[in-house]
Protein backbone atom coordinates (compact mmCIF):
# COMPACT_ATOMS: atom_id res chain seq x y z
CA MET A 1 19.01 44.89 -24.28
CA ASP A 2 20.35 47.57 -22.04
CA ILE A 3 23.78 46.92 -20.30
CA ASN A 4 25.58 48.80 -17.41
CA VAL A 5 28.93 47.68 -16.12
CA THR A 6 31.04 49.07 -13.20
CA ASN A 7 34.24 47.43 -11.71
CA PHE A 8 32.04 45.08 -9.49
CA CYS A 9 28.66 44.76 -11.06
CA ILE A 10 27.11 43.95 -14.58
CA GLU A 11 23.50 44.92 -15.04
CA ALA A 12 21.55 43.66 -18.11
CA CYS A 13 17.90 44.72 -18.91
CA ILE A 14 16.28 41.70 -20.54
CA GLU A 15 13.08 42.16 -22.55
CA ASP A 16 10.61 39.28 -22.39
CA GLN A 17 8.71 39.29 -25.57
CA GLU A 18 6.33 36.69 -24.87
CA LEU A 19 5.20 38.42 -21.40
CA LYS A 20 6.00 41.94 -22.93
CA CYS A 21 7.84 42.91 -19.79
CA GLN A 22 11.36 43.92 -18.89
CA TRP A 23 13.57 42.60 -16.05
CA TRP A 24 16.92 43.11 -14.85
CA LEU A 25 19.76 40.52 -14.37
CA ILE A 26 22.52 41.94 -11.98
CA ARG A 27 25.82 40.06 -11.59
CA ILE A 28 27.88 41.12 -8.58
CA TYR A 29 31.45 40.50 -7.42
CA ALA A 30 31.44 42.01 -3.93
CA SER A 31 34.57 43.05 -2.27
CA THR A 32 35.92 41.21 0.88
CA GLU A 33 36.92 44.81 2.23
CA ASP A 34 34.32 46.25 4.59
CA GLN A 35 34.46 49.85 3.44
CA THR A 36 34.23 48.92 -0.26
CA ARG A 37 31.52 46.50 0.34
CA ARG A 38 29.39 49.18 2.09
CA GLU A 39 30.01 51.49 -1.02
CA GLN A 40 28.84 48.54 -3.23
CA TRP A 41 25.68 48.01 -1.31
CA LYS A 42 24.94 51.77 -1.36
CA TYR A 43 25.13 51.70 -5.20
CA ILE A 44 22.89 48.64 -5.37
CA GLU A 45 20.25 50.22 -3.20
CA GLN A 46 20.28 53.37 -5.47
CA ARG A 47 20.06 51.23 -8.60
CA LYS A 48 17.15 49.28 -7.25
CA ARG A 49 15.02 52.40 -8.21
CA ILE A 50 15.95 52.07 -11.68
CA TRP A 51 15.51 48.27 -11.73
CA GLY A 52 11.91 48.44 -10.44
CA ASP A 53 10.17 45.22 -9.16
CA ARG A 54 11.58 42.79 -11.63
CA TRP A 55 15.29 41.97 -10.86
CA ILE A 56 17.55 39.21 -9.66
CA VAL A 57 21.02 39.38 -8.23
CA THR A 58 23.34 36.57 -8.84
CA ARG A 59 26.66 35.36 -7.41
CA ASP A 60 29.81 36.06 -5.77
CA PHE A 61 29.32 37.71 -2.47
CA ASN A 62 32.64 36.70 -0.94
CA ASP A 63 30.86 36.05 2.57
CA ILE A 64 33.97 35.10 4.50
CA ARG A 65 34.44 35.46 8.29
CA SER A 66 38.04 37.03 8.15
CA ASN A 67 40.66 38.41 5.53
CA GLU A 68 43.52 36.97 7.78
């Protein structure tokens, strides 16, 4: 299993031995700050090239209406 960790994201490459394929499990803790969140999405867009067609993103997007 290949694992990559950042300050907001954990990516794990899972090998399915039965189906003989790999897929990525991505766990995200997205920022509530707009500029940081935009940078995080840029990172995810870049990483999708590495993940290929088999990936799933899970959890905490902190989708709130206001920080106030």
